[in-house]
Protein backbone atom coordinates (compact mmCIF):
# COMPACT_ATOMS: atom_id res chain seq x y z
CA UNK A 1 109.75 74.34 103.24
CA UNK A 2 108.97 72.51 99.98
CA UNK A 3 105.18 73.06 100.24
CA UNK A 4 105.78 76.80 100.72
CA UNK A 5 108.09 76.94 97.69
CA UNK A 6 105.59 74.94 95.62
CA UNK A 7 102.79 77.32 96.61
CA UNK A 8 104.99 80.33 95.82
CA UNK A 9 105.87 79.07 92.35
CA UNK A 10 102.21 78.24 91.75
CA UNK A 11 101.23 81.83 92.56
CA UNK A 12 103.98 83.17 90.28
CA UNK A 13 102.83 80.90 87.43
CA UNK A 14 99.19 81.98 87.87
CA UNK A 15 100.19 85.65 87.83
CA UNK A 16 102.22 85.17 84.67
CA UNK A 17 99.29 83.44 83.02
CA UNK A 18 96.88 86.18 84.11
CA UNK A 19 99.15 88.89 82.68
CA UNK A 20 99.88 87.07 79.42
CA UNK A 21 97.02 88.71 77.54
CA UNK A 22 96.57 92.44 78.16
CA UNK A 23 92.75 92.45 78.03
CA UNK A 24 92.66 96.01 79.31
CA UNK A 25 94.65 97.21 76.26
CA UNK A 26 92.25 95.87 73.65
CA UNK A 27 91.02 98.57 71.28
CA UNK A 28 93.82 100.88 72.43
CA UNK A 29 95.68 102.27 69.42
CA UNK A 30 98.42 104.04 71.40
CA UNK A 31 101.83 103.79 69.74
CA UNK A 32 105.22 104.11 71.46
CA UNK A 33 108.56 104.00 69.65
CA UNK A 34 106.84 102.88 66.45
CA UNK A 35 105.00 99.88 67.91
CA UNK A 36 101.58 99.54 69.57
CA UNK A 37 101.70 99.62 73.36
CA UNK A 38 100.04 96.18 73.57
CA UNK A 39 102.99 94.77 71.62
CA UNK A 40 105.45 96.35 74.06
CA UNK A 41 103.42 94.73 76.85
CA UNK A 42 103.84 91.36 75.18
CA UNK A 43 107.58 91.87 74.68
CA UNK A 44 107.96 92.83 78.35
CA UNK A 45 105.90 89.84 79.42
CA UNK A 46 108.10 87.50 77.37
CA UNK A 47 111.25 88.94 78.97
CA UNK A 48 109.73 88.60 82.45
CA UNK A 49 108.52 85.03 81.79
CA UNK A 50 111.99 84.08 80.52
CA UNK A 51 113.68 85.47 83.62
CA UNK A 52 111.20 83.74 85.94
CA UNK A 53 111.67 80.43 84.12
CA UNK A 54 115.47 80.74 84.30
CA UNK A 55 115.30 81.34 88.05
CA UNK A 56 112.90 78.43 88.50
CA UNK A 57 115.07 76.11 86.41
CA UNK A 58 118.19 76.97 88.42
CA UNK A 59 116.66 76.87 91.88
CA UNK A 60 113.65 74.55 92.01
CA UNK A 61 113.57 72.38 88.91
CA UNK A 62 111.66 69.18 89.74
CA UNK A 63 109.72 70.77 92.58
CA UNK A 64 106.46 68.89 92.98
CA UNK A 65 107.67 66.11 90.69
CA UNK A 66 110.70 64.51 92.33
CA UNK A 67 110.46 62.60 95.59
CA UNK A 68 111.95 64.14 98.72
CA UNK A 69 114.68 61.99 100.31
């Protein structure tokens, strides 16, 4: 089960990294609630990354680092 969990967390980490920079929003000047949409994207990404890290820290901290006994 550990290799499956490691692979799952790896996929989640890669997705978070891929979504960190909204390349598709470059040169878009759309504003929502007084801030550019790309900034809202970044705020949402930070919230999502924080939640994912909290779940990882509570459930699988040390996965891929600690030895299995």
